[in-house]
C-alpha atoms as a PDB file:
ATOM      1  CA  MET A   1    -240.526 128.083 -80.699  1.00  0.00           C
ATOM      2  CA  SER A   2    -241.597 128.245 -77.108  1.00  0.00           C
ATOM      3  CA  ALA A   3    -241.737 124.938 -75.271  1.00  0.00           C
ATOM      4  CA  THR A   4    -243.866 124.629 -72.036  1.00  0.00           C
ATOM      5  CA  PRO A   5    -243.674 121.955 -69.519  1.00  0.00           C
ATOM      6  CA  LEU A   6    -246.283 119.284 -69.096  1.00  0.00           C
ATOM      7  CA  ALA A   7    -248.816 120.086 -66.397  1.00  0.00           C
ATOM      8  CA  ALA A   8    -247.700 118.629 -62.924  1.00  0.00           C
ATOM      9  CA  SER A   9    -251.318 116.852 -62.322  1.00  0.00           C
ATOM     10  CA  LYS A  10    -251.759 114.320 -65.233  1.00  0.00           C
ATOM     11  CA  PRO A  11    -255.187 113.177 -65.653  1.00  0.00           C
ATOM     12  CA  SER A  12    -256.009 109.592 -66.063  1.00  0.00           C
ATOM     13  CA  PRO A  13    -255.617 108.567 -69.678  1.00  0.00           C
ATOM     14  CA  TRP A  14    -259.153 107.005 -69.654  1.00  0.00           C
ATOM     15  CA  LEU A  15    -260.448 110.616 -68.853  1.00  0.00           C
ATOM     16  CA  HIS A  16    -259.518 111.971 -72.362  1.00  0.00           C
ATOM     17  CA  PHE A  17    -261.488 109.175 -73.737  1.00  0.00           C
ATOM     18  CA  VAL A  18    -264.708 109.874 -72.041  1.00  0.00           C
ATOM     19  CA  ALA A  19    -264.428 113.589 -72.313  1.00  0.00           C
ATOM     20  CA  GLY A  20    -263.981 113.676 -76.004  1.00  0.00           C
ATOM     21  CA  GLY A  21    -266.764 111.413 -76.298  1.00  0.00           C
ATOM     22  CA  LEU A  22    -269.078 113.202 -74.110  1.00  0.00           C
ATOM     23  CA  GLY A  23    -268.049 116.346 -76.104  1.00  0.00           C
ATOM     24  CA  GLY A  24    -268.537 115.237 -79.525  1.00  0.00           C
ATOM     25  CA  MET A  25    -271.812 113.713 -78.658  1.00  0.00           C
ATOM     26  CA  CYS A  26    -273.267 117.057 -77.353  1.00  0.00           C
ATOM     27  CA  GLY A  27    -271.956 118.995 -80.238  1.00  0.00           C
ATOM     28  CA  ALA A  28    -273.288 116.696 -82.875  1.00  0.00           C
ATOM     29  CA  ILE A  29    -276.800 116.516 -81.419  1.00  0.00           C
ATOM     30  CA  VAL A  30    -276.810 120.337 -81.341  1.00  0.00           C
ATOM     31  CA  THR A  31    -275.676 120.796 -84.913  1.00  0.00           C
ATOM     32  CA  SER A  32    -277.049 117.839 -86.796  1.00  0.00           C
ATOM     33  CA  PRO A  33    -279.499 119.942 -89.420  1.00  0.00           C
ATOM     34  CA  PHE A  34    -276.543 121.662 -90.645  1.00  0.00           C
ATOM     35  CA  ASP A  35    -274.736 118.395 -91.319  1.00  0.00           C
ATOM     36  CA  VAL A  36    -277.548 117.146 -93.383  1.00  0.00           C
ATOM     37  CA  VAL A  37    -277.477 120.272 -95.490  1.00  0.00           C
ATOM     38  CA  LYS A  38    -273.845 120.108 -95.757  1.00  0.00           C
ATOM     39  CA  THR A  39    -273.865 116.669 -97.118  1.00  0.00           C
ATOM     40  CA  ARG A  40    -276.632 117.273 -99.683  1.00  0.00           C
ATOM     41  CA  LEU A  41    -274.767 120.269-100.955  1.00  0.00           C
ATOM     42  CA  GLN A  42    -271.591 118.321-101.495  1.00  0.00           C
ATOM     43  CA  SER A  43    -273.353 115.444-103.334  1.00  0.00           C
ATOM     44  CA  ASP A  44    -274.184 115.849-107.230  1.00  0.00           C
ATOM     45  CA  LEU A  45    -277.004 113.640-106.554  1.00  0.00           C
ATOM     46  CA  PHE A  46    -278.897 116.497-104.607  1.00  0.00           C
ATOM     47  CA  ARG A  47    -277.574 119.072-107.088  1.00  0.00           C
ATOM     48  CA  GLN A  48    -279.227 117.343-110.080  1.00  0.00           C
ATOM     49  CA  LYS A  49    -282.460 117.246-108.077  1.00  0.00           C
ATOM     50  CA  HIS A  50    -282.446 120.838-106.656  1.00  0.00           C
ATOM     51  CA  PRO A  51    -280.054 122.636-108.999  1.00  0.00           C
ATOM     52  CA  VAL A  52    -281.259 126.329-107.769  1.00  0.00           C
ATOM     53  CA  VAL A  53    -282.708 127.614-104.416  1.00  0.00           C
ATOM     54  CA  ASN A  54    -284.468 130.828-105.083  1.00  0.00           C
ATOM     55  CA  VAL A  55    -283.694 133.535-102.426  1.00  0.00           C
ATOM     56  CA  VAL A  56    -287.123 134.919-102.963  1.00  0.00           C
ATOM     57  CA  GLY A  57    -288.757 131.815-102.109  1.00  0.00           C
ATOM     58  CA  ASN A  58    -291.747 131.635-104.802  1.00  0.00           C
ATOM     59  CA  GLY A  59    -294.205 128.597-103.874  1.00  0.00           C
ATOM     60  CA  ALA A  60    -293.950 126.190-101.027  1.00  0.00           C
ATOM     61  CA  SER A  61    -290.438 124.649-101.807  1.00  0.00           C
ATOM     62  CA  GLY A  62    -288.510 127.862-102.908  1.00  0.00           C
ATOM     63  CA  VAL A  63    -287.070 126.051-105.848  1.00  0.00           C
ATOM     64  CA  VAL A  64    -287.120 127.490-109.236  1.00  0.00           C
ATOM     65  CA  MET A  65    -285.576 125.676-112.110  1.00  0.00           C
ATOM     66  CA  GLY A  66    -283.264 127.765-114.319  1.00  0.00           C
ATOM     67  CA  ALA A  67    -282.986 130.798-112.623  1.00  0.00           C
ATOM     68  CA  PRO A  68    -279.454 131.962-112.069  1.00  0.00           C
ATOM     69  CA  ARG A  69    -277.631 131.005-108.694  1.00  0.00           C
ATOM     70  CA  PRO A  70    -275.848 133.579-106.773  1.00  0.00           C
ATOM     71  CA  SER A  71    -272.488 132.303-105.840  1.00  0.00           C
ATOM     72  CA  ASN A  72    -271.127 134.634-102.908  1.00  0.00           C
ATOM     73  CA  LEU A  73    -270.383 133.628 -99.423  1.00  0.00           C
ATOM     74  CA  LEU A  74    -273.271 135.741 -97.868  1.00  0.00           C
ATOM     75  CA  TYR A  75    -275.984 133.862-100.254  1.00  0.00           C
ATOM     76  CA  ASN A  76    -274.624 130.398 -99.218  1.00  0.00           C
ATOM     77  CA  PHE A  77    -275.619 131.036 -95.657  1.00  0.00           C
ATOM     78  CA  VAL A  78    -279.098 132.376 -96.799  1.00  0.00           C
ATOM     79  CA  GLU A  79    -279.334 129.197 -99.070  1.00  0.00           C
ATOM     80  CA  THR A  80    -278.483 127.049 -96.022  1.00  0.00           C
ATOM     81  CA  GLY A  81    -281.473 128.438 -94.181  1.00  0.00           C
ATOM     82  CA  TYR A  82    -283.735 127.915 -97.326  1.00  0.00           C
ATOM     83  CA  ILE A  83    -282.685 124.157 -97.479  1.00  0.00           C
ATOM     84  CA  ILE A  84    -283.349 123.719 -93.902  1.00  0.00           C
ATOM     85  CA  ARG A  85    -286.736 125.087 -94.266  1.00  0.00           C
ATOM     86  CA  ASP A  86    -287.462 123.042 -97.463  1.00  0.00           C
ATOM     87  CA  ILE A  87    -286.373 119.652 -95.669  1.00  0.00           C
ATOM     88  CA  TYR A  88    -288.899 120.426 -92.842  1.00  0.00           C
ATOM     89  CA  ARG A  89    -291.730 121.217 -95.028  1.00  0.00           C
ATOM     90  CA  GLU A  90    -291.186 118.625 -97.484  1.00  0.00           C
ATOM     91  CA  GLU A  91    -289.863 115.696 -95.547  1.00  0.00           C
ATOM     92  CA  SER A  92    -290.508 116.509 -91.898  1.00  0.00           C
ATOM     93  CA  PHE A  93    -288.804 117.654 -88.809  1.00  0.00           C
ATOM     94  CA  ARG A  94    -287.055 114.269 -88.276  1.00  0.00           C
ATOM     95  CA  ALA A  95    -285.532 114.432 -91.548  1.00  0.00           C
ATOM     96  CA  LEU A  96    -283.324 117.413 -90.156  1.00  0.00           C
ATOM     97  CA  PHE A  97    -281.740 114.517 -88.326  1.00  0.00           C
ATOM     98  CA  LYS A  98    -281.000 111.908 -90.802  1.00  0.00           C
ATOM     99  CA  GLY A  99    -278.071 110.063 -90.199  1.00  0.00           C
ATOM    100  CA  LEU A 100    -277.871 110.976 -86.570  1.00  0.00           C
ATOM    101  CA  GLY A 101    -277.948 107.488 -85.372  1.00  0.00           C
ATOM    102  CA  PRO A 102    -274.717 106.472 -87.194  1.00  0.00           C
ATOM    103  CA  THR A 103    -273.393 110.007 -86.567  1.00  0.00           C
ATOM    104  CA  LEU A 104    -273.453 109.325 -82.796  1.00  0.00           C
ATOM    105  CA  VAL A 105    -272.262 105.946 -83.114  1.00  0.00           C
ATOM    106  CA  GLY A 106    -269.357 107.482 -84.977  1.00  0.00           C
ATOM    107  CA  VAL A 107    -268.875 110.389 -83.132  1.00  0.00           C
ATOM    108  CA  VAL A 108    -268.465 109.043 -79.529  1.00  0.00           C
ATOM    109  CA  PRO A 109    -265.990 106.530 -80.502  1.00  0.00           C
ATOM    110  CA  ALA A 110    -264.248 108.870 -82.974  1.00  0.00           C
ATOM    111  CA  ARG A 111    -263.813 112.005 -80.505  1.00  0.00           C
ATOM    112  CA  SER A 112    -262.961 109.375 -77.795  1.00  0.00           C
ATOM    113  CA  ILE A 113    -260.350 108.037 -79.980  1.00  0.00           C
ATOM    114  CA  ASN A 114    -259.068 111.172 -81.158  1.00  0.00           C
ATOM    115  CA  PHE A 115    -258.817 112.926 -77.939  1.00  0.00           C
ATOM    116  CA  PHE A 116    -257.618 109.855 -76.067  1.00  0.00           C
ATOM    117  CA  SER A 117    -254.973 109.269 -78.929  1.00  0.00           C
ATOM    118  CA  TYR A 118    -253.963 113.102 -78.824  1.00  0.00           C
ATOM    119  CA  GLY A 119    -253.930 113.791 -74.988  1.00  0.00           C
ATOM    120  CA  ASN A 120    -251.958 110.861 -74.294  1.00  0.00           C
ATOM    121  CA  GLY A 121    -249.813 110.878 -77.388  1.00  0.00           C
ATOM    122  CA  LYS A 122    -248.567 114.445 -76.838  1.00  0.00           C
ATOM    123  CA  ARG A 123    -247.425 113.250 -73.541  1.00  0.00           C
ATOM    124  CA  ILE A 124    -245.627 110.121 -74.563  1.00  0.00           C
ATOM    125  CA  ILE A 125    -243.853 112.058 -77.560  1.00  0.00           C
ATOM    126  CA  ALA A 126    -242.913 114.936 -75.145  1.00  0.00           C
ATOM    127  CA  ASP A 127    -241.408 112.545 -72.698  1.00  0.00           C
ATOM    128  CA  LYS A 128    -239.735 110.414 -75.033  1.00  0.00           C
ATOM    129  CA  PHE A 129    -238.463 112.916 -77.357  1.00  0.00           C
ATOM    130  CA  ASN A 130    -238.496 116.377 -76.021  1.00  0.00           C
ATOM    131  CA  ASP A 131    -237.431 116.171 -72.229  1.00  0.00           C
ATOM    132  CA  GLY A 132    -240.888 116.111 -71.138  1.00  0.00           C
ATOM    133  CA  LYS A 133    -241.888 119.439 -72.732  1.00  0.00           C
ATOM    134  CA  GLU A 134    -244.805 120.290 -75.021  1.00  0.00           C
ATOM    135  CA  ASN A 135    -244.131 122.490 -78.197  1.00  0.00           C
ATOM    136  CA  SER A 136    -245.866 123.062 -81.642  1.00  0.00           C
ATOM    137  CA  TRP A 137    -244.116 120.017 -83.282  1.00  0.00           C
ATOM    138  CA  VAL A 138    -245.307 117.755 -80.345  1.00  0.00           C
ATOM    139  CA  HIS A 139    -248.596 118.786 -80.854  1.00  0.00           C
ATOM    140  CA  LEU A 140    -248.198 118.374 -84.606  1.00  0.00           C
ATOM    141  CA  SER A 141    -247.071 114.862 -84.505  1.00  0.00           C
ATOM    142  CA  ALA A 142    -249.859 113.817 -81.822  1.00  0.00           C
ATOM    143  CA  ALA A 143    -252.458 115.213 -83.868  1.00  0.00           C
ATOM    144  CA  ALA A 144    -251.351 113.534 -87.195  1.00  0.00           C
ATOM    145  CA  LEU A 145    -250.984 110.124 -85.353  1.00  0.00           C
ATOM    146  CA  ALA A 146    -254.562 110.776 -83.577  1.00  0.00           C
ATOM    147  CA  GLY A 147    -256.206 111.834 -87.104  1.00  0.00           C
ATOM    148  CA  ILE A 148    -254.879 108.553 -88.743  1.00  0.00           C
ATOM    149  CA  VAL A 149    -255.978 106.337 -85.997  1.00  0.00           C
ATOM    150  CA  THR A 150    -259.346 107.755 -85.646  1.00  0.00           C
ATOM    151  CA  SER A 151    -259.998 107.665 -89.505  1.00  0.00           C
ATOM    152  CA  THR A 152    -259.161 104.060 -89.983  1.00  0.00           C
ATOM    153  CA  ALA A 153    -261.072 102.970 -87.219  1.00  0.00           C
ATOM    154  CA  THR A 154    -264.319 104.964 -87.963  1.00  0.00           C
ATOM    155  CA  ASN A 155    -264.489 105.266 -91.855  1.00  0.00           C
ATOM    156  CA  PRO A 156    -267.487 102.333 -92.221  1.00  0.00           C
ATOM    157  CA  ILE A 157    -269.737 104.337 -89.838  1.00  0.00           C
ATOM    158  CA  TRP A 158    -269.551 107.719 -91.874  1.00  0.00           C
ATOM    159  CA  VAL A 159    -270.020 105.629 -94.986  1.00  0.00           C
ATOM    160  CA  VAL A 160    -273.366 104.589 -93.539  1.00  0.00           C
ATOM    161  CA  LYS A 161    -274.152 108.154 -92.353  1.00  0.00           C
ATOM    162  CA  THR A 162    -273.470 109.667 -95.702  1.00  0.00           C
ATOM    163  CA  ARG A 163    -275.646 107.059 -97.340  1.00  0.00           C
ATOM    164  CA  LEU A 164    -278.615 107.731 -95.148  1.00  0.00           C
ATOM    165  CA  GLN A 165    -278.272 111.556 -95.471  1.00  0.00           C
ATOM    166  CA  LEU A 166    -278.408 111.233 -99.278  1.00  0.00           C
ATOM    167  CA  THR A 167    -281.751 109.441 -99.255  1.00  0.00           C
ATOM    168  CA  GLN A 168    -284.965 111.853 -99.379  1.00  0.00           C
ATOM    169  CA  GLY A 169    -288.075 111.366 -97.711  1.00  0.00           C
ATOM    170  CA  ASP A 170    -288.964 109.994 -94.203  1.00  0.00           C
ATOM    171  CA  LYS A 171    -288.345 106.534 -94.476  1.00  0.00           C
ATOM    172  CA  LYS A 172    -286.784 104.820 -91.558  1.00  0.00           C
ATOM    173  CA  VAL A 173    -284.724 107.984 -90.675  1.00  0.00           C
ATOM    174  CA  LEU A 174    -283.034 106.726 -87.414  1.00  0.00           C
ATOM    175  CA  GLY A 175    -283.862 103.006 -88.098  1.00  0.00           C
ATOM    176  CA  GLY A 176    -282.238 102.463 -91.553  1.00  0.00           C
ATOM    177  CA  SER A 177    -278.856 102.112 -90.613  1.00  0.00           C
ATOM    178  CA  TRP A 178    -279.020  98.197 -90.440  1.00  0.00           C
ATOM    179  CA  HIS A 179    -280.788  98.004 -93.899  1.00  0.00           C
ATOM    180  CA  CYS A 180    -278.006 100.485 -95.212  1.00  0.00           C
ATOM    181  CA  ILE A 181    -275.223  97.922 -93.903  1.00  0.00           C
ATOM    182  CA  GLN A 182    -276.750  95.210 -95.384  1.00  0.00           C
ATOM    183  CA  LYS A 183    -277.216  96.985 -98.690  1.00  0.00           C
ATOM    184  CA  ILE A 184    -273.569  98.026 -98.845  1.00  0.00           C
ATOM    185  CA  LEU A 185    -272.415  94.580 -97.826  1.00  0.00           C
ATOM    186  CA  ARG A 186    -274.507  92.904-100.425  1.00  0.00           C
ATOM    187  CA  GLU A 187    -273.804  95.106-103.117  1.00  0.00           C
ATOM    188  CA  GLU A 188    -270.219  96.301-102.600  1.00  0.00           C
ATOM    189  CA  GLY A 189    -268.680  94.043 -99.962  1.00  0.00           C
ATOM    190  CA  ILE A 190    -266.339  94.938 -97.079  1.00  0.00           C
ATOM    191  CA  ARG A 191    -264.570  97.548 -99.315  1.00  0.00           C
ATOM    192  CA  GLY A 192    -267.497  99.512 -99.700  1.00  0.00           C
ATOM    193  CA  PHE A 193    -266.987 100.597 -96.220  1.00  0.00           C
ATOM    194  CA  TYR A 194    -263.937 102.115 -96.599  1.00  0.00           C
ATOM    195  CA  LYS A 195    -265.100 104.433 -99.568  1.00  0.00           C
ATOM    196  CA  GLY A 196    -263.504 107.655 -99.022  1.00  0.00           C
ATOM    197  CA  LEU A 197    -260.770 106.682 -96.772  1.00  0.00           C
ATOM    198  CA  SER A 198    -258.142 108.052 -98.781  1.00  0.00           C
ATOM    199  CA  ALA A 199    -260.030 111.480 -98.672  1.00  0.00           C
ATOM    200  CA  SER A 200    -260.157 110.922 -94.933  1.00  0.00           C
ATOM    201  CA  TYR A 201    -256.451 110.592 -94.551  1.00  0.00           C
ATOM    202  CA  LEU A 202    -255.982 113.631 -96.758  1.00  0.00           C
ATOM    203  CA  GLY A 203    -258.214 115.135 -93.902  1.00  0.00           C
ATOM    204  CA  VAL A 204    -255.943 114.387 -91.299  1.00  0.00           C
ATOM    205  CA  THR A 205    -254.351 117.868 -92.024  1.00  0.00           C
ATOM    206  CA  GLU A 206    -257.476 119.499 -90.821  1.00  0.00           C
ATOM    207  CA  GLY A 207    -257.324 117.955 -87.466  1.00  0.00           C
ATOM    208  CA  THR A 208    -253.408 118.607 -87.129  1.00  0.00           C
ATOM    209  CA  ILE A 209    -253.865 122.245 -88.140  1.00  0.00           C
ATOM    210  CA  GLN A 210    -256.782 122.490 -85.818  1.00  0.00           C
ATOM    211  CA  TRP A 211    -255.012 120.861 -82.604  1.00  0.00           C
ATOM    212  CA  VAL A 212    -251.765 122.931 -83.269  1.00  0.00           C
ATOM    213  CA  LEU A 213    -253.634 126.431 -83.711  1.00  0.00           C
ATOM    214  CA  TYR A 214    -255.774 125.494 -80.781  1.00  0.00           C
ATOM    215  CA  GLU A 215    -253.055 124.862 -78.470  1.00  0.00           C
ATOM    216  CA  ARG A 216    -251.315 128.028 -79.548  1.00  0.00           C
ATOM    217  CA  LEU A 217    -254.322 130.238 -79.219  1.00  0.00           C
ATOM    218  CA  LYS A 218    -255.333 128.637 -76.039  1.00  0.00           C
ATOM    219  CA  ARG A 219    -251.919 129.405 -74.181  1.00  0.00           C
ATOM    220  CA  LEU A 220    -251.785 132.925 -75.890  1.00  0.00           C
ATOM    221  CA  SER A 221    -255.354 133.539 -74.291  1.00  0.00           C
ATOM    222  CA  GLU A 222    -254.354 132.088 -70.827  1.00  0.00           C
ATOM    223  CA  SER A 223    -251.181 134.398 -70.966  1.00  0.00           C
ATOM    224  CA  MET A 224    -253.092 137.520 -71.037  1.00  0.00           C
ATOM    225  CA  ASP A 225    -253.377 139.291 -67.611  1.00  0.00           C
ATOM    226  CA  GLY A 226    -256.517 140.518 -65.651  1.00  0.00           C
ATOM    227  CA  GLN A 227    -258.791 137.588 -67.033  1.00  0.00           C
ATOM    228  CA  GLY A 228    -260.976 136.089 -64.347  1.00  0.00           C
ATOM    229  CA  PRO A 229    -262.611 132.686 -64.774  1.00  0.00           C
ATOM    230  CA  VAL A 230    -265.402 133.951 -67.288  1.00  0.00           C
ATOM    231  CA  GLY A 231    -262.759 135.617 -69.459  1.00  0.00           C
ATOM    232  CA  ARG A 232    -260.464 132.358 -69.479  1.00  0.00           C
ATOM    233  CA  TRP A 233    -263.547 130.310 -70.545  1.00  0.00           C
ATOM    234  CA  VAL A 234    -264.436 132.946 -73.239  1.00  0.00           C
ATOM    235  CA  GLY A 235    -261.034 132.941 -74.445  1.00  0.00           C
ATOM    236  CA  MET A 236    -260.870 128.899 -74.659  1.00  0.00           C
ATOM    237  CA  LEU A 237    -264.151 128.948 -76.735  1.00  0.00           C
ATOM    238  CA  GLY A 238    -262.704 131.556 -79.044  1.00  0.00           C
ATOM    239  CA  SER A 239    -259.640 129.403 -79.449  1.00  0.00           C
ATOM    240  CA  ALA A 240    -261.520 126.300 -80.245  1.00  0.00           C
ATOM    241  CA  GLY A 241    -263.930 128.092 -82.803  1.00  0.00           C
ATOM    242  CA  THR A 242    -261.161 129.926 -84.405  1.00  0.00           C
ATOM    243  CA  ALA A 243    -259.001 126.911 -84.913  1.00  0.00           C
ATOM    244  CA  LYS A 244    -261.716 125.004 -86.550  1.00  0.00           C
ATOM    245  CA  LEU A 245    -262.783 127.699 -88.625  1.00  0.00           C
ATOM    246  CA  VAL A 246    -259.250 128.346 -90.013  1.00  0.00           C
ATOM    247  CA  ALA A 247    -258.664 124.501 -90.529  1.00  0.00           C
ATOM    248  CA  SER A 248    -261.728 123.882 -92.308  1.00  0.00           C
ATOM    249  CA  LEU A 249    -261.237 126.866 -94.728  1.00  0.00           C
ATOM    250  CA  ILE A 250    -257.855 125.602 -95.519  1.00  0.00           C
ATOM    251  CA  THR A 251    -258.639 121.889 -96.009  1.00  0.00           C
ATOM    252  CA  TYR A 252    -262.368 121.887 -96.798  1.00  0.00           C
ATOM    253  CA  PRO A 253    -262.308 120.458-100.558  1.00  0.00           C
ATOM    254  CA  HIS A 254    -261.252 117.035 -98.802  1.00  0.00           C
ATOM    255  CA  GLU A 255    -264.869 116.898 -97.494  1.00  0.00           C
ATOM    256  CA  VAL A 256    -266.626 117.333-100.923  1.00  0.00           C
ATOM    257  CA  LEU A 257    -264.277 114.630-102.594  1.00  0.00           C
ATOM    258  CA  ARG A 258    -264.913 112.092 -99.260  1.00  0.00           C
ATOM    259  CA  THR A 259    -268.628 112.498-100.010  1.00  0.00           C
ATOM    260  CA  ARG A 260    -268.424 112.045-103.610  1.00  0.00           C
ATOM    261  CA  LEU A 261    -266.519 108.790-103.003  1.00  0.00           C
ATOM    262  CA  ARG A 262    -269.066 107.337-100.473  1.00  0.00           C
ATOM    263  CA  GLN A 263    -272.142 108.191-102.758  1.00  0.00           C
ATOM    264  CA  PRO A 264    -274.229 104.985-103.647  1.00  0.00           C
ATOM    265  CA  SER A 265    -273.895 103.510-107.292  1.00  0.00           C
ATOM    266  CA  VAL A 266    -276.549 104.738-109.789  1.00  0.00           C
ATOM    267  CA  ASN A 267    -278.042 102.087-111.788  1.00  0.00           C
ATOM    268  CA  GLY A 268    -275.198  99.744-110.779  1.00  0.00           C
ATOM    269  CA  VAL A 269    -272.459 102.315-111.775  1.00  0.00           C
ATOM    270  CA  LEU A 270    -270.155 104.079-109.339  1.00  0.00           C
ATOM    271  CA  LYS A 271    -269.328 107.636-110.894  1.00  0.00           C
ATOM    272  CA  TYR A 272    -266.506 108.297-108.381  1.00  0.00           C
ATOM    273  CA  THR A 273    -263.839 105.638-107.890  1.00  0.00           C
ATOM    274  CA  GLY A 274    -260.695 107.227-106.489  1.00  0.00           C
ATOM    275  CA  LEU A 275    -259.258 110.333-104.916  1.00  0.00           C
ATOM    276  CA  VAL A 276    -257.560 111.702-107.938  1.00  0.00           C
ATOM    277  CA  GLN A 277    -260.136 110.621-110.436  1.00  0.00           C
ATOM    278  CA  THR A 278    -262.783 112.367-108.327  1.00  0.00           C
ATOM    279  CA  LEU A 279    -260.763 115.569-108.117  1.00  0.00           C
ATOM    280  CA  ARG A 280    -260.356 115.829-111.968  1.00  0.00           C
ATOM    281  CA  LEU A 281    -264.169 114.706-112.918  1.00  0.00           C
ATOM    282  CA  VAL A 282    -265.547 117.305-110.197  1.00  0.00           C
ATOM    283  CA  ILE A 283    -263.667 120.022-111.690  1.00  0.00           C
ATOM    284  CA  ALA A 284    -264.022 119.218-115.179  1.00  0.00           C
ATOM    285  CA  GLU A 285    -267.916 118.763-115.019  1.00  0.00           C
ATOM    286  CA  GLU A 286    -268.645 121.475-112.343  1.00  0.00           C
ATOM    287  CA  GLY A 287    -265.865 123.833-111.893  1.00  0.00           C
ATOM    288  CA  ALA A 288    -263.242 124.198-109.041  1.00  0.00           C
ATOM    289  CA  ARG A 289    -265.938 126.182-107.043  1.00  0.00           C
ATOM    290  CA  THR A 290    -267.704 123.081-106.433  1.00  0.00           C
ATOM    291  CA  LEU A 291    -265.065 121.883-104.063  1.00  0.00           C
ATOM    292  CA  TYR A 292    -266.518 124.318-101.759  1.00  0.00           C
ATOM    293  CA  SER A 293    -269.954 123.289-101.876  1.00  0.00           C
ATOM    294  CA  GLY A 294    -271.582 123.224 -98.512  1.00  0.00           C
ATOM    295  CA  LEU A 295    -269.146 125.305 -96.984  1.00  0.00           C
ATOM    296  CA  SER A 296    -271.687 127.754 -95.336  1.00  0.00           C
ATOM    297  CA  ALA A 297    -273.568 124.861 -93.754  1.00  0.00           C
ATOM    298  CA  HIS A 298    -270.196 123.156 -92.848  1.00  0.00           C
ATOM    299  CA  LEU A 299    -268.931 126.268 -90.838  1.00  0.00           C
ATOM    300  CA  MET A 300    -272.494 126.781 -89.168  1.00  0.00           C
ATOM    301  CA  ARG A 301    -271.946 123.305 -87.847  1.00  0.00           C
ATOM    302  CA  VAL A 302    -268.413 122.771 -87.023  1.00  0.00           C
ATOM    303  CA  VAL A 303    -267.630 126.142 -85.383  1.00  0.00           C
ATOM    304  CA  PRO A 304    -270.158 125.953 -82.527  1.00  0.00           C
ATOM    305  CA  ASN A 305    -269.695 122.116 -82.430  1.00  0.00           C
ATOM    306  CA  ALA A 306    -266.060 122.654 -81.703  1.00  0.00           C
ATOM    307  CA  ALA A 307    -266.597 125.232 -79.044  1.00  0.00           C
ATOM    308  CA  VAL A 308    -268.942 122.803 -77.191  1.00  0.00           C
ATOM    309  CA  MET A 309    -266.690 119.909 -77.769  1.00  0.00           C
ATOM    310  CA  TYR A 310    -263.664 121.502 -76.529  1.00  0.00           C
ATOM    311  CA  SER A 311    -265.414 123.272 -73.713  1.00  0.00           C
ATOM    312  CA  ILE A 312    -266.751 119.833 -72.369  1.00  0.00           C
ATOM    313  CA  TYR A 313    -263.337 118.097 -72.791  1.00  0.00           C
ATOM    314  CA  GLU A 314    -261.523 120.954 -71.354  1.00  0.00           C
ATOM    315  CA  GLY A 315    -263.851 121.382 -68.245  1.00  0.00           C
ATOM    316  CA  LEU A 316    -263.396 117.872 -67.299  1.00  0.00           C
ATOM    317  CA  ILE A 317    -259.724 117.525 -67.786  1.00  0.00           C
ATOM    318  CA  LYS A 318    -259.521 120.705 -65.449  1.00  0.00           C
ATOM    319  CA  TRP A 319    -262.062 119.402 -63.061  1.00  0.00           C
ATOM    320  CA  SER A 320    -259.881 116.071 -62.702  1.00  0.00           C
ATOM    321  CA  SER A 321    -256.763 117.903 -62.357  1.00  0.00           C
ATOM    322  CA  SER A 322    -258.057 120.101 -59.693  1.00  0.00           C
ATOM    323  CA  ARG A 323    -259.282 117.154 -57.416  1.00  0.00           C
ATOM    324  CA  PRO A 324    -257.182 116.317 -54.539  1.00  0.00           C
END
């Protein structure tokens, strides 16, 4: 396993915080509609109301009760487009940005904390345990630490975002966060804000895989001869998108489990109460394939999101390092 020395020019620790938050904010705004679709497809509440989407698109809604539902990946991408269309037609354009308020409130600190923890964590770990050199083990340790810190700090925000995205209609799309917070506090207490935290910790593996793979692909791209500035930039974008794609495909089921755990109660009854219980119940009632519900919308969101986020982050870091 190769090891590389740390860059001679060290960016200020706060720059990781600012660059990560800015990149996360831009990516979240651009890809918000896909996030709404993904959350609804992951939830059995939405699946009960809209069990089948007709590709032919009869009628205004494109929903045909009882028709066979194709399950191939290509159809899933088509289905995502139809759901976006139906949300726009039946609920309004604003509904495509449901949960964007808490998403931004969550994304900015989450990405800031994650990039801050990772960027500075890998330097500290390398300095203390690896003679000041980076390698894949340093990247893995820093990524795991950053994931745990980020998940713990921001879980309440994601619970509110999920609850908002599971409501249908155009009621208080961006202004309902406070009402949602009060409802959770009143009905579930403080513990309600930490629903899905166990699945979030399970999802730390996704961030770990993503960071390690991104670092390896980025170094491979940078080592290629004959690249100009544009080529290096394209290589970085490809590295970020590819790393997120692979990490998402490997770890996606935790996303579905986390959404189910964050669902509101129905008639005062919580259907999903624990990580293992949720996994068993989903497989028993809906089959293992359901663990990949919403995958197409998720990939359509997170891959370009990662490219935007990492490009802004790397750009600011390189700009800081090049300053005299």
